[in-house]
PDB file of N, CA and C in Angstrom:
ATOM      1  N   MET A   1       0.146  -4.977 -25.925  1.00  0.00           N
ATOM      2  CA  MET A   1       1.351  -5.402 -25.674  1.00  0.00           C
ATOM      3  C   MET A   1       2.298  -6.599 -25.497  1.00  0.00           C
ATOM      4  N   GLN A   2       3.011  -7.635 -25.820  1.00  0.00           N
ATOM      5  CA  GLN A   2       2.765  -8.876 -24.690  1.00  0.00           C
ATOM      6  C   GLN A   2       4.947  -8.397 -24.738  1.00  0.00           C
ATOM      7  N   THR A   3       4.871  -8.449 -23.249  1.00  0.00           N
ATOM      8  CA  THR A   3       6.091  -8.937 -23.101  1.00  0.00           C
ATOM      9  C   THR A   3       6.730  -9.960 -21.346  1.00  0.00           C
ATOM     10  N   THR A   4       8.137 -10.127 -21.407  1.00  0.00           N
ATOM     11  CA  THR A   4       8.022 -11.548 -20.606  1.00  0.00           C
ATOM     12  C   THR A   4       8.042 -10.538 -19.247  1.00  0.00           C
ATOM     13  N   ILE A   5       7.524 -10.951 -18.405  1.00  0.00           N
ATOM     14  CA  ILE A   5       8.914 -11.076 -16.914  1.00  0.00           C
ATOM     15  C   ILE A   5       8.531 -12.191 -16.328  1.00  0.00           C
ATOM     16  N   ASN A   6       9.867 -11.872 -15.661  1.00  0.00           N
ATOM     17  CA  ASN A   6      10.658 -13.672 -14.500  1.00  0.00           C
ATOM     18  C   ASN A   6       9.366 -12.942 -12.638  1.00  0.00           C
ATOM     19  N   LEU A   7       9.323 -13.963 -12.113  1.00  0.00           N
ATOM     20  CA  LEU A   7       8.611 -14.068 -11.086  1.00  0.00           C
ATOM     21  C   LEU A   7       9.131 -14.703  -9.870  1.00  0.00           C
ATOM     22  N   PRO A   8       9.270 -14.022  -8.785  1.00  0.00           N
ATOM     23  CA  PRO A   8       9.920 -16.080  -8.330  1.00  0.00           C
ATOM     24  C   PRO A   8       8.725 -16.772  -8.545  1.00  0.00           C
ATOM     25  N   ASP A   9       9.479 -18.341  -8.216  1.00  0.00           N
ATOM     26  CA  ASP A   9       8.084 -19.185  -8.419  1.00  0.00           C
ATOM     27  C   ASP A   9       7.457 -19.152  -7.089  1.00  0.00           C
ATOM     28  N   SER A  10       7.408 -19.099  -5.889  1.00  0.00           N
ATOM     29  CA  SER A  10       6.311 -18.273  -4.792  1.00  0.00           C
ATOM     30  C   SER A  10       5.232 -17.536  -5.438  1.00  0.00           C
ATOM     31  N   LEU A  11       5.648 -16.306  -5.487  1.00  0.00           N
ATOM     32  CA  LEU A  11       4.750 -15.494  -6.606  1.00  0.00           C
ATOM     33  C   LEU A  11       4.336 -15.668  -7.332  1.00  0.00           C
ATOM     34  N   TYR A  12       4.624 -16.163  -8.226  1.00  0.00           N
ATOM     35  CA  TYR A  12       3.987 -16.371  -9.197  1.00  0.00           C
ATOM     36  C   TYR A  12       2.560 -17.608  -8.958  1.00  0.00           C
ATOM     37  N   GLN A  13       3.099 -18.374  -8.186  1.00  0.00           N
ATOM     38  CA  GLN A  13       1.744 -19.611  -7.320  1.00  0.00           C
ATOM     39  C   GLN A  13       1.204 -18.887  -6.622  1.00  0.00           C
ATOM     40  N   LYS A  14       1.151 -18.039  -5.543  1.00  0.00           N
ATOM     41  CA  LYS A  14       0.189 -17.210  -5.200  1.00  0.00           C
ATOM     42  C   LYS A  14      -0.629 -16.607  -6.257  1.00  0.00           C
ATOM     43  N   SER A  15       0.172 -15.756  -7.267  1.00  0.00           N
ATOM     44  CA  SER A  15      -0.848 -14.621  -8.143  1.00  0.00           C
ATOM     45  C   SER A  15      -1.808 -16.377  -8.663  1.00  0.00           C
ATOM     46  N   GLU A  16      -1.376 -17.609  -8.848  1.00  0.00           N
ATOM     47  CA  GLU A  16      -2.028 -18.277  -9.936  1.00  0.00           C
ATOM     48  C   GLU A  16      -3.280 -18.721  -8.416  1.00  0.00           C
ATOM     49  N   ALA A  17      -3.140 -18.797  -7.365  1.00  0.00           N
ATOM     50  CA  ALA A  17      -3.716 -19.175  -6.684  1.00  0.00           C
ATOM     51  C   ALA A  17      -5.272 -18.127  -6.604  1.00  0.00           C
ATOM     52  N   LEU A  18      -4.627 -16.513  -6.137  1.00  0.00           N
ATOM     53  CA  LEU A  18      -5.353 -15.408  -6.000  1.00  0.00           C
ATOM     54  C   LEU A  18      -6.642 -15.345  -7.662  1.00  0.00           C
ATOM     55  N   ALA A  19      -5.932 -15.944  -9.088  1.00  0.00           N
ATOM     56  CA  ALA A  19      -6.626 -15.750 -10.272  1.00  0.00           C
ATOM     57  C   ALA A  19      -7.438 -16.663  -9.759  1.00  0.00           C
ATOM     58  N   ALA A  20      -7.507 -17.507  -9.952  1.00  0.00           N
ATOM     59  CA  ALA A  20      -8.463 -19.191  -9.559  1.00  0.00           C
ATOM     60  C   ALA A  20      -9.612 -18.985  -8.785  1.00  0.00           C
ATOM     61  N   SER A  21      -8.665 -17.914  -7.602  1.00  0.00           N
ATOM     62  CA  SER A  21     -10.259 -17.655  -6.968  1.00  0.00           C
ATOM     63  C   SER A  21     -11.491 -17.128  -7.029  1.00  0.00           C
ATOM     64  N   ARG A  22     -10.558 -16.558  -8.104  1.00  0.00           N
ATOM     65  CA  ARG A  22     -11.726 -15.029  -8.810  1.00  0.00           C
ATOM     66  C   ARG A  22     -11.869 -15.337 -10.293  1.00  0.00           C
ATOM     67  N   GLY A  23     -11.370 -17.086 -10.338  1.00  0.00           N
ATOM     68  CA  GLY A  23     -12.429 -17.181 -11.532  1.00  0.00           C
ATOM     69  C   GLY A  23     -11.643 -16.502 -12.415  1.00  0.00           C
ATOM     70  N   ALA A  24     -10.078 -16.060 -12.485  1.00  0.00           N
ATOM     71  CA  ALA A  24      -9.342 -14.959 -13.542  1.00  0.00           C
ATOM     72  C   ALA A  24      -8.521 -16.289 -14.099  1.00  0.00           C
ATOM     73  N   THR A  25      -7.222 -15.355 -15.292  1.00  0.00           N
ATOM     74  CA  THR A  25      -6.517 -16.308 -15.445  1.00  0.00           C
ATOM     75  C   THR A  25      -5.592 -15.337 -15.279  1.00  0.00           C
ATOM     76  N   VAL A  26      -3.641 -16.132 -14.819  1.00  0.00           N
ATOM     77  CA  VAL A  26      -3.184 -15.878 -14.244  1.00  0.00           C
ATOM     78  C   VAL A  26      -2.880 -13.720 -14.934  1.00  0.00           C
ATOM     79  N   GLU A  27      -2.434 -14.015 -16.081  1.00  0.00           N
ATOM     80  CA  GLU A  27      -2.200 -12.881 -16.839  1.00  0.00           C
ATOM     81  C   GLU A  27      -3.792 -11.728 -16.475  1.00  0.00           C
ATOM     82  N   GLN A  28      -5.388 -11.800 -16.132  1.00  0.00           N
ATOM     83  CA  GLN A  28      -5.840 -11.603 -16.429  1.00  0.00           C
ATOM     84  C   GLN A  28      -5.515 -10.758 -14.411  1.00  0.00           C
ATOM     85  N   PHE A  29      -5.549 -10.939 -14.237  1.00  0.00           N
ATOM     86  CA  PHE A  29      -5.227 -11.077 -12.148  1.00  0.00           C
ATOM     87  C   PHE A  29      -3.675 -10.077 -12.392  1.00  0.00           C
ATOM     88  N   ILE A  30      -2.628 -10.751 -13.610  1.00  0.00           N
ATOM     89  CA  ILE A  30      -1.380  -9.338 -13.117  1.00  0.00           C
ATOM     90  C   ILE A  30      -2.229  -8.504 -13.622  1.00  0.00           C
ATOM     91  N   VAL A  31      -2.628  -8.393 -14.928  1.00  0.00           N
ATOM     92  CA  VAL A  31      -2.913  -6.641 -15.238  1.00  0.00           C
ATOM     93  C   VAL A  31      -3.758  -5.504 -14.471  1.00  0.00           C
ATOM     94  N   GLU A  32      -4.603  -6.905 -13.531  1.00  0.00           N
ATOM     95  CA  GLU A  32      -5.662  -6.194 -12.864  1.00  0.00           C
ATOM     96  C   GLU A  32      -5.133  -5.275 -11.604  1.00  0.00           C
ATOM     97  N   ALA A  33      -3.529  -6.398 -11.306  1.00  0.00           N
ATOM     98  CA  ALA A  33      -2.898  -5.708 -10.371  1.00  0.00           C
ATOM     99  C   ALA A  33      -1.919  -4.317 -11.246  1.00  0.00           C
ATOM    100  N   VAL A  34      -1.004  -4.465 -12.017  1.00  0.00           N
ATOM    101  CA  VAL A  34      -0.478  -3.729 -12.346  1.00  0.00           C
ATOM    102  C   VAL A  34      -1.440  -2.098 -12.547  1.00  0.00           C
ATOM    103  N   LYS A  35      -2.149  -2.382 -13.113  1.00  0.00           N
ATOM    104  CA  LYS A  35      -3.762  -1.971 -12.959  1.00  0.00           C
ATOM    105  C   LYS A  35      -3.606  -0.649 -12.076  1.00  0.00           C
ATOM    106  N   LYS A  36      -4.429  -1.216 -10.696  1.00  0.00           N
ATOM    107  CA  LYS A  36      -4.225  -0.788  -9.142  1.00  0.00           C
ATOM    108  C   LYS A  36      -3.415  -0.004  -9.478  1.00  0.00           C
ATOM    109  N   GLU A  37      -1.998  -0.695  -9.301  1.00  0.00           N
ATOM    110  CA  GLU A  37      -0.876   0.037  -8.773  1.00  0.00           C
ATOM    111  C   GLU A  37       0.113   1.364  -9.280  1.00  0.00           C
ATOM    112  N   VAL A  38      -0.684   1.109 -11.250  1.00  0.00           N
ATOM    113  CA  VAL A  38      -0.456   2.596 -11.793  1.00  0.00           C
ATOM    114  C   VAL A  38      -1.884   3.241 -11.451  1.00  0.00           C
ATOM    115  N   GLN A  39      -2.803   2.827 -11.150  1.00  0.00           N
ATOM    116  CA  GLN A  39      -4.028   4.530 -11.337  1.00  0.00           C
ATOM    117  C   GLN A  39      -4.125   4.694  -9.541  1.00  0.00           C
ATOM    118  N   GLY A  40      -3.262   3.936  -8.896  1.00  0.00           N
ATOM    119  CA  GLY A  40      -2.653   3.986  -7.373  1.00  0.00           C
ATOM    120  C   GLY A  40      -1.912   5.274  -6.506  1.00  0.00           C
ATOM    121  N   ASN A  41      -1.127   5.361  -8.252  1.00  0.00           N
ATOM    122  CA  ASN A  41       0.223   6.055  -7.623  1.00  0.00           C
ATOM    123  C   ASN A  41      -0.025   7.929  -8.615  1.00  0.00           C
ATOM    124  N   LEU A  42      -1.028   7.680  -9.696  1.00  0.00           N
ATOM    125  CA  LEU A  42      -0.893   8.943 -10.224  1.00  0.00           C
ATOM    126  C   LEU A  42      -1.233   9.673  -9.709  1.00  0.00           C
ATOM    127  N   GLY A  43      -2.038   9.815  -8.724  1.00  0.00           N
ATOM    128  CA  GLY A  43      -1.526  10.823  -7.604  1.00  0.00           C
ATOM    129  C   GLY A  43      -1.217  11.634  -6.905  1.00  0.00           C
ATOM    130  N   SER A  44      -0.451  10.343  -6.693  1.00  0.00           N
ATOM    131  CA  SER A  44       0.625  10.472  -5.433  1.00  0.00           C
ATOM    132  C   SER A  44       2.104  11.373  -5.341  1.00  0.00           C
ATOM    133  N   THR A  45       2.014  12.576  -4.556  1.00  0.00           N
ATOM    134  CA  THR A  45       3.038  13.366  -4.578  1.00  0.00           C
ATOM    135  C   THR A  45       4.642  12.771  -4.428  1.00  0.00           C
ATOM    136  N   THR A  46       4.208  11.420  -3.780  1.00  0.00           N
ATOM    137  CA  THR A  46       5.404  10.609  -2.436  1.00  0.00           C
ATOM    138  C   THR A  46       6.342  10.368  -3.651  1.00  0.00           C
ATOM    139  N   SER A  47       8.330  10.504  -3.896  1.00  0.00           N
ATOM    140  CA  SER A  47       8.488   9.708  -5.268  1.00  0.00           C
ATOM    141  C   SER A  47       9.218   8.712  -4.205  1.00  0.00           C
ATOM    142  N   GLY A  48       9.606   8.103  -3.160  1.00  0.00           N
ATOM    143  CA  GLY A  48      10.443   7.574  -2.312  1.00  0.00           C
ATOM    144  C   GLY A  48      10.213   6.053  -2.196  1.00  0.00           C
ATOM    145  N   SER A  49      10.600   5.466  -1.489  1.00  0.00           N
ATOM    146  CA  SER A  49      10.618   3.855  -1.584  1.00  0.00           C
ATOM    147  C   SER A  49       8.581   3.308  -2.235  1.00  0.00           C
ATOM    148  N   TYR A  50       8.618   2.495  -2.973  1.00  0.00           N
ATOM    149  CA  TYR A  50       7.540   1.074  -3.398  1.00  0.00           C
ATOM    150  C   TYR A  50       6.587   1.395  -1.807  1.00  0.00           C
ATOM    151  N   GLY A  51       5.833   1.588  -2.465  1.00  0.00           N
ATOM    152  CA  GLY A  51       4.242   1.060  -0.971  1.00  0.00           C
ATOM    153  C   GLY A  51       3.688   2.146  -0.701  1.00  0.00           C
ATOM    154  N   TYR A  52       4.691   3.295  -0.406  1.00  0.00           N
ATOM    155  CA  TYR A  52       4.523   4.269   0.380  1.00  0.00           C
ATOM    156  C   TYR A  52       4.203   5.600   0.016  1.00  0.00           C
ATOM    157  N   ARG A  53       2.749   5.289   0.642  1.00  0.00           N
ATOM    158  CA  ARG A  53       1.562   6.662   0.275  1.00  0.00           C
ATOM    159  C   ARG A  53       1.740   7.885   1.326  1.00  0.00           C
ATOM    160  N   GLU A  54       1.399   9.131   0.979  1.00  0.00           N
ATOM    161  CA  GLU A  54       1.613  10.613   1.707  1.00  0.00           C
ATOM    162  C   GLU A  54      -0.374   9.827   2.020  1.00  0.00           C
ATOM    163  N   ALA A  55       0.159  10.384   3.779  1.00  0.00           N
ATOM    164  CA  ALA A  55      -1.723  10.478   4.187  1.00  0.00           C
ATOM    165  C   ALA A  55      -2.489  11.586   4.816  1.00  0.00           C
ATOM    166  N   GLU A  56      -3.167  12.141   4.511  1.00  0.00           N
ATOM    167  CA  GLU A  56      -3.107  13.363   5.458  1.00  0.00           C
ATOM    168  C   GLU A  56      -3.805  12.475   6.789  1.00  0.00           C
ATOM    169  N   LEU A  57      -3.565  13.672   8.069  1.00  0.00           N
ATOM    170  CA  LEU A  57      -3.717  13.459   9.133  1.00  0.00           C
ATOM    171  C   LEU A  57      -4.705  13.661  10.157  1.00  0.00           C
ATOM    172  N   PRO A  58      -5.544  13.790  10.733  1.00  0.00           N
ATOM    173  CA  PRO A  58      -7.123  14.749  11.175  1.00  0.00           C
ATOM    174  C   PRO A  58      -5.770  16.614  11.285  1.00  0.00           C
ATOM    175  N   VAL A  59      -5.760  17.313  12.078  1.00  0.00           N
ATOM    176  CA  VAL A  59      -6.448  17.974  12.567  1.00  0.00           C
ATOM    177  C   VAL A  59      -6.983  18.758  13.603  1.00  0.00           C
ATOM    178  N   THR A  60      -6.519  18.615  14.942  1.00  0.00           N
ATOM    179  CA  THR A  60      -6.767  19.399  15.554  1.00  0.00           C
ATOM    180  C   THR A  60      -6.585  20.242  16.441  1.00  0.00           C
ATOM    181  N   ARG A  61      -7.155  21.755  16.377  1.00  0.00           N
ATOM    182  CA  ARG A  61      -6.688  22.847  17.275  1.00  0.00           C
ATOM    183  C   ARG A  61      -6.282  22.220  18.409  1.00  0.00           C
ATOM    184  N   SER A  62      -5.501  23.339  18.668  1.00  0.00           N
ATOM    185  CA  SER A  62      -5.387  23.426  20.169  1.00  0.00           C
ATOM    186  C   SER A  62      -5.108  24.463  20.797  1.00  0.00           C
ATOM    187  N   MET A  63      -6.482  24.891  22.144  1.00  0.00           N
ATOM    188  CA  MET A  63      -6.064  26.452  22.479  1.00  0.00           C
ATOM    189  C   MET A  63      -5.203  26.839  22.971  1.00  0.00           C
ATOM    190  N   ARG A  64      -4.013  25.859  23.472  1.00  0.00           N
ATOM    191  CA  ARG A  64      -2.597  25.886  23.955  1.00  0.00           C
ATOM    192  C   ARG A  64      -1.970  25.358  22.889  1.00  0.00           C
ATOM    193  N   PRO A  65      -1.486  25.914  21.807  1.00  0.00           N
ATOM    194  CA  PRO A  65      -0.234  24.863  21.020  1.00  0.00           C
ATOM    195  C   PRO A  65       0.890  24.850  21.904  1.00  0.00           C
ATOM    196  N   GLY A  66       1.478  23.625  21.491  1.00  0.00           N
ATOM    197  CA  GLY A  66       2.801  23.232  22.133  1.00  0.00           C
ATOM    198  C   GLY A  66       3.301  22.871  23.385  1.00  0.00           C
ATOM    199  N   THR A  67       1.727  23.009  24.267  1.00  0.00           N
ATOM    200  CA  THR A  67       1.655  22.970  25.584  1.00  0.00           C
ATOM    201  C   THR A  67       1.653  21.128  25.608  1.00  0.00           C
ATOM    202  N   LEU A  68       1.814  20.422  24.997  1.00  0.00           N
ATOM    203  CA  LEU A  68       1.361  18.485  25.342  1.00  0.00           C
ATOM    204  C   LEU A  68       2.313  18.248  25.170  1.00  0.00           C
ATOM    205  N   ASP A  69       2.894  17.504  26.614  1.00  0.00           N
ATOM    206  CA  ASP A  69       4.141  16.809  26.506  1.00  0.00           C
ATOM    207  C   ASP A  69       4.018  15.258  26.768  1.00  0.00           C
ATOM    208  N   LEU A  70       4.988  14.711  24.750  1.00  0.00           N
ATOM    209  CA  LEU A  70       4.387  13.260  24.738  1.00  0.00           C
ATOM    210  C   LEU A  70       5.795  12.719  25.436  1.00  0.00           C
ATOM    211  N   SER A  71       6.717  13.231  26.063  1.00  0.00           N
ATOM    212  CA  SER A  71       7.900  12.370  26.361  1.00  0.00           C
ATOM    213  C   SER A  71       7.970  11.664  26.796  1.00  0.00           C
ATOM    214  N   ARG A  72       6.912  11.179  28.157  1.00  0.00           N
ATOM    215  CA  ARG A  72       6.938   9.937  28.662  1.00  0.00           C
ATOM    216  C   ARG A  72       5.654   9.440  28.588  1.00  0.00           C
ATOM    217  N   PHE A  73       4.744   9.414  26.882  1.00  0.00           N
ATOM    218  CA  PHE A  73       3.822   9.069  26.137  1.00  0.00           C
ATOM    219  C   PHE A  73       4.314   6.682  25.853  1.00  0.00           C
ATOM    220  N   ASP A  74       3.316   6.477  26.718  1.00  0.00           N
ATOM    221  CA  ASP A  74       3.705   4.636  26.089  1.00  0.00           C
ATOM    222  C   ASP A  74       2.780   4.241  24.239  1.00  0.00           C
ATOM    223  N   PHE A  75       3.385   4.992  23.393  1.00  0.00           N
ATOM    224  CA  PHE A  75       2.656   5.143  22.402  1.00  0.00           C
ATOM    225  C   PHE A  75       2.548   3.092  21.559  1.00  0.00           C
ATOM    226  N   ASP A  76       2.618   2.048  22.605  1.00  0.00           N
ATOM    227  CA  ASP A  76       3.056   0.845  22.452  1.00  0.00           C
ATOM    228  C   ASP A  76       0.948   0.769  23.396  1.00  0.00           C
ATOM    229  N   ASP A  77       1.213   1.991  24.302  1.00  0.00           N
ATOM    230  CA  ASP A  77      -0.520   1.107  24.801  1.00  0.00           C
ATOM    231  C   ASP A  77      -1.610   1.372  23.447  1.00  0.00           C
ATOM    232  N   LEU A  78      -0.874   2.052  22.939  1.00  0.00           N
ATOM    233  CA  LEU A  78      -2.601   2.444  21.425  1.00  0.00           C
ATOM    234  C   LEU A  78      -2.035   1.248  20.933  1.00  0.00           C
ATOM    235  N   LEU A  79      -1.312   0.495  20.867  1.00  0.00           N
ATOM    236  CA  LEU A  79      -0.960  -1.156  19.323  1.00  0.00           C
ATOM    237  C   LEU A  79      -2.160  -2.106  20.354  1.00  0.00           C
ATOM    238  N   ALA A  80      -2.100  -2.488  21.712  1.00  0.00           N
ATOM    239  CA  ALA A  80      -2.695  -3.110  22.441  1.00  0.00           C
ATOM    240  C   ALA A  80      -4.443  -3.666  22.264  1.00  0.00           C
TER     241      ALA A  80
END
């Protein structure tokens, strides 16, 4: 199927450069990008904002559930 889409110039230029670096045409690059996005969202139950997907976090069982107080924990230290 053939269609026409409007891309911002900067997005087209980046797509063109990435396609060239992979030895592909812009059309092949865009088709592959859309295919990956569609396949990635088929199993997703999230109907929220674009680009966000649910992730399962590891569960750690506690001998004393509900006793951990994180109100004074500095989460920024984890990112440092």
